[in-house]
Protein backbone atom coordinates (compact mmCIF):
# COMPACT_ATOMS: atom_id res chain seq x y z
CA UNK A 1 -12.93 24.77 -30.34
CA UNK A 2 -15.37 24.81 -27.42
CA UNK A 3 -18.00 23.06 -29.49
CA UNK A 4 -15.55 20.32 -30.45
CA UNK A 5 -14.57 19.71 -26.82
CA UNK A 6 -18.23 19.62 -25.80
CA UNK A 7 -19.01 17.14 -28.56
CA UNK A 8 -16.15 14.84 -27.49
CA UNK A 9 -17.32 14.91 -23.86
CA UNK A 10 -20.96 14.42 -24.84
CA UNK A 11 -20.10 11.35 -26.90
CA UNK A 12 -17.45 9.95 -24.52
CA UNK A 13 -19.37 10.06 -21.25
CA UNK A 14 -22.05 7.56 -22.34
CA UNK A 15 -19.38 4.84 -22.59
CA UNK A 16 -18.31 5.39 -18.99
CA UNK A 17 -21.94 5.57 -17.85
CA UNK A 18 -22.64 2.26 -19.60
CA UNK A 19 -19.64 0.64 -17.93
CA UNK A 20 -20.67 1.80 -14.44
CA UNK A 21 -24.25 0.56 -14.86
CA UNK A 22 -23.17 -2.84 -16.21
CA UNK A 23 -20.74 -3.30 -13.33
CA UNK A 24 -23.34 -2.26 -10.74
CA UNK A 25 -25.76 -4.81 -12.20
CA UNK A 26 -23.08 -7.55 -12.10
CA UNK A 27 -23.34 -7.98 -15.86
CA UNK A 28 -19.68 -7.05 -16.18
CA UNK A 29 -17.40 -8.16 -13.35
CA UNK A 30 -13.91 -6.77 -12.91
CA UNK A 31 -11.67 -6.69 -9.86
CA UNK A 32 -8.79 -4.34 -8.99
CA UNK A 33 -6.43 -6.71 -10.84
CA UNK A 34 -8.10 -5.95 -14.19
CA UNK A 35 -7.29 -2.24 -14.50
CA UNK A 36 -5.98 -2.51 -18.07
CA UNK A 37 -9.02 -4.51 -19.16
CA UNK A 38 -11.33 -1.90 -17.62
CA UNK A 39 -9.70 0.90 -19.63
CA UNK A 40 -9.94 -1.11 -22.84
CA UNK A 41 -13.57 -2.01 -22.17
CA UNK A 42 -14.60 1.57 -21.40
CA UNK A 43 -12.93 2.63 -24.64
CA UNK A 44 -14.73 -0.12 -26.57
CA UNK A 45 -18.10 0.80 -25.06
CA UNK A 46 -17.48 4.48 -25.83
CA UNK A 47 -16.56 3.75 -29.44
CA UNK A 48 -19.60 1.50 -29.90
CA UNK A 49 -21.92 4.07 -28.35
CA UNK A 50 -20.38 6.87 -30.42
CA UNK A 51 -20.68 4.86 -33.66
CA UNK A 52 -24.36 4.10 -33.06
CA UNK A 53 -25.15 7.65 -31.93
CA UNK A 54 -23.36 9.28 -34.88
CA UNK A 55 -25.09 6.92 -37.28
CA UNK A 56 -28.49 7.92 -35.89
CA UNK A 57 -27.60 11.63 -35.85
CA UNK A 58 -26.33 11.44 -39.43
CA UNK A 59 -29.46 9.62 -40.55
CA UNK A 60 -31.65 12.40 -39.16
CA UNK A 61 -29.19 15.18 -40.08
CA UNK A 62 -28.93 16.35 -36.46
CA UNK A 63 -26.11 18.15 -34.65
CA UNK A 64 -24.61 16.79 -31.43
CA UNK A 65 -25.11 20.10 -29.64
CA UNK A 66 -28.75 20.51 -30.62
CA UNK A 67 -31.60 19.67 -28.27
CA UNK A 68 -32.73 16.88 -30.55
CA UNK A 69 -29.14 15.59 -30.73
CA UNK A 70 -28.86 15.59 -26.93
CA UNK A 71 -32.12 13.64 -26.62
CA UNK A 72 -30.87 11.12 -29.18
CA UNK A 73 -27.62 10.67 -27.22
CA UNK A 74 -29.50 10.08 -23.95
CA UNK A 75 -32.08 7.77 -25.52
CA UNK A 76 -29.57 5.61 -27.41
CA UNK A 77 -27.27 5.41 -24.38
CA UNK A 78 -30.10 4.21 -22.13
CA UNK A 79 -31.28 1.71 -24.74
CA UNK A 80 -27.79 0.27 -25.21
CA UNK A 81 -27.03 0.26 -21.48
CA UNK A 82 -30.20 -1.25 -20.08
CA UNK A 83 -31.29 -3.53 -22.91
CA UNK A 84 -28.84 -4.22 -25.74
CA UNK A 85 -25.60 -4.82 -23.83
CA UNK A 86 -27.20 -6.91 -21.02
CA UNK A 87 -29.02 -9.04 -23.62
CA UNK A 88 -25.88 -9.64 -25.69
CA UNK A 89 -23.53 -10.24 -22.73
CA UNK A 90 -25.85 -12.55 -20.78
CA UNK A 91 -26.83 -14.62 -23.79
CA UNK A 92 -23.26 -14.70 -25.07
CA UNK A 93 -22.03 -15.89 -21.67
CA UNK A 94 -24.76 -18.52 -21.48
CA UNK A 95 -23.98 -19.86 -24.96
CA UNK A 96 -20.26 -19.99 -24.15
CA UNK A 97 -20.91 -21.85 -20.88
CA UNK A 98 -23.13 -24.35 -22.69
CA UNK A 99 -20.44 -24.85 -25.34
CA UNK A 100 -17.73 -25.41 -22.72
CA UNK A 101 -19.93 -27.80 -20.74
CA UNK A 102 -20.86 -29.73 -23.88
CA UNK A 103 -17.18 -30.17 -24.73
CA UNK A 104 -16.18 -31.10 -21.18
CA UNK A 105 -14.12 -27.93 -20.69
CA UNK A 106 -13.82 -25.97 -17.45
CA UNK A 107 -16.19 -23.08 -16.93
CA UNK A 108 -14.24 -20.25 -15.30
CA UNK A 109 -15.68 -17.14 -13.70
CA UNK A 110 -14.18 -14.00 -12.20
CA UNK A 111 -17.25 -13.29 -10.05
CA UNK A 112 -15.87 -12.42 -6.58
CA UNK A 113 -16.77 -14.82 -3.78
CA UNK A 114 -18.51 -12.10 -1.79
CA UNK A 115 -20.81 -11.35 -4.73
CA UNK A 116 -21.84 -14.99 -4.76
CA UNK A 117 -22.38 -14.90 -0.99
CA UNK A 118 -24.43 -11.71 -1.20
CA UNK A 119 -26.53 -13.07 -4.06
CA UNK A 120 -27.64 -15.89 -1.75
CA UNK A 121 -29.29 -13.44 0.65
CA UNK A 122 -33.10 -13.53 0.72
CA UNK A 123 -34.38 -10.95 -1.74
CA UNK A 124 -36.67 -9.02 0.61
CA UNK A 125 -35.72 -8.06 4.15
CA UNK A 126 -33.06 -10.75 4.42
CA UNK A 127 -29.71 -10.55 6.13
CA UNK A 128 -26.50 -12.54 6.46
CA UNK A 129 -24.73 -13.51 9.68
CA UNK A 130 -20.93 -13.84 9.40
CA UNK A 131 -18.97 -15.95 11.88
CA UNK A 132 -15.16 -15.90 11.87
CA UNK A 133 -12.82 -18.58 13.22
CA UNK A 134 -9.07 -18.81 12.69
CA UNK A 135 -7.41 -21.98 11.39
CA UNK A 136 -6.95 -23.14 15.00
CA UNK A 137 -10.74 -23.04 15.37
CA UNK A 138 -10.59 -20.11 17.79
CA UNK A 139 -13.56 -17.77 17.66
CA UNK A 140 -12.64 -14.32 16.28
CA UNK A 141 -15.84 -12.34 15.66
CA UNK A 142 -19.39 -12.54 14.35
CA UNK A 143 -22.11 -10.15 13.24
CA UNK A 144 -24.60 -9.29 10.52
CA UNK A 145 -23.09 -8.20 7.21
CA UNK A 146 -23.52 -4.50 6.42
CA UNK A 147 -20.75 -3.81 3.87
CA UNK A 148 -17.82 -5.60 2.32
CA UNK A 149 -14.89 -3.77 0.72
CA UNK A 150 -12.91 -5.38 -2.10
CA UNK A 151 -10.21 -2.72 -2.00
CA UNK A 152 -9.62 -3.08 1.74
CA UNK A 153 -10.64 -6.74 1.97
CA UNK A 154 -12.66 -6.09 5.10
CA UNK A 155 -16.13 -6.40 6.58
CA UNK A 156 -18.40 -3.94 8.36
CA UNK A 157 -20.79 -5.82 10.64
CA UNK A 158 -23.81 -5.12 12.80
CA UNK A 159 -23.42 -6.68 16.29
CA UNK A 160 -25.27 -9.95 16.84
CA UNK A 161 -24.75 -10.30 20.60
CA UNK A 162 -22.18 -13.09 20.37
CA UNK A 163 -19.09 -12.85 22.56
CA UNK A 164 -17.61 -16.32 22.16
CA UNK A 165 -18.51 -19.54 20.34
CA UNK A 166 -17.34 -23.09 20.78
CA UNK A 167 -16.24 -24.26 17.34
CA UNK A 168 -17.40 -27.89 17.64
CA UNK A 169 -20.85 -26.93 18.90
CA UNK A 170 -21.23 -24.23 16.27
CA UNK A 171 -20.00 -26.54 13.48
CA UNK A 172 -22.56 -29.16 14.45
CA UNK A 173 -25.38 -26.59 14.26
CA UNK A 174 -24.01 -25.17 11.01
CA UNK A 175 -23.86 -28.56 9.28
CA UNK A 176 -27.50 -29.22 10.20
CA UNK A 177 -28.61 -26.21 8.16
CA UNK A 178 -30.00 -26.57 4.65
CA UNK A 179 -27.26 -25.93 2.04
CA UNK A 180 -29.35 -23.08 0.62
CA UNK A 181 -29.19 -21.33 3.99
CA UNK A 182 -25.44 -21.44 4.60
CA UNK A 183 -22.00 -21.13 3.00
CA UNK A 184 -18.43 -21.07 4.19
CA UNK A 185 -15.24 -19.53 2.78
CA UNK A 186 -11.58 -20.26 3.48
CA UNK A 187 -9.38 -17.15 3.53
CA UNK A 188 -5.88 -18.59 3.21
CA UNK A 189 -4.21 -15.16 3.22
CA UNK A 190 -5.61 -14.27 6.64
CA UNK A 191 -5.88 -17.90 7.78
CA UNK A 192 -9.55 -17.48 8.52
CA UNK A 193 -12.66 -19.64 8.14
CA UNK A 194 -15.74 -17.52 7.50
CA UNK A 195 -19.24 -18.94 7.84
CA UNK A 196 -22.23 -17.23 6.24
CA UNK A 197 -25.80 -17.94 7.32
CA UNK A 198 -28.80 -16.48 5.48
CA UNK A 199 -31.94 -15.42 7.34
CA UNK A 200 -35.32 -14.12 6.22
CA UNK A 201 -36.55 -11.08 8.09
CA UNK A 202 -39.56 -13.03 9.38
CA UNK A 203 -37.52 -15.25 11.72
CA UNK A 204 -37.36 -13.56 15.16
CA UNK A 205 -34.52 -15.63 16.69
CA UNK A 206 -32.65 -17.49 13.97
CA UNK A 207 -29.16 -17.69 15.47
CA UNK A 208 -27.69 -21.21 15.20
CA UNK A 209 -24.62 -19.60 16.74
CA UNK A 210 -26.61 -18.70 19.84
CA UNK A 211 -25.98 -20.43 23.18
CA UNK A 212 -29.74 -20.49 23.94
């Protein structure tokens, strides 16, 4: 009985591991509203991993609980997780987007806005300044982005030394930036306008929000 339980765990865990890695690498993107889809996907990944692993073990006449079987499980899981699934998903997504674009259909994505914002940050040593105004154009807060929580829909910021900003003056400076250096987001739930400005680490005083 113990061996059976161990075998089920050994073959089931790789599916969850694969899911976590693919999500962390933004290859699979699910929000808190997709709980049922997550469960189904983890089950599908587990079944696929198990089928491939059992096929390999059967081909070499190996037992799951043997050392060689364990090494096969680890090796196949890593191969599927870091090469096969990313290759299939990325290329499948690209081909689907090209098909939709060719046929004039809408290309939809469930990539969260904050992932898109974060992906715009300079790759090495870069940071993002966040400036918040309400819909009445009253300054709320600003700072450098440290963390963003999807579950709590909140920001953790490093201080940037700003205490108050005039909206019109800031907006004028913001609009003068290159589009690759800035973004803005409308949060209709909280009635907030959030401006994002990207900076490389090499710029010693980059604040367009500054009063200097």
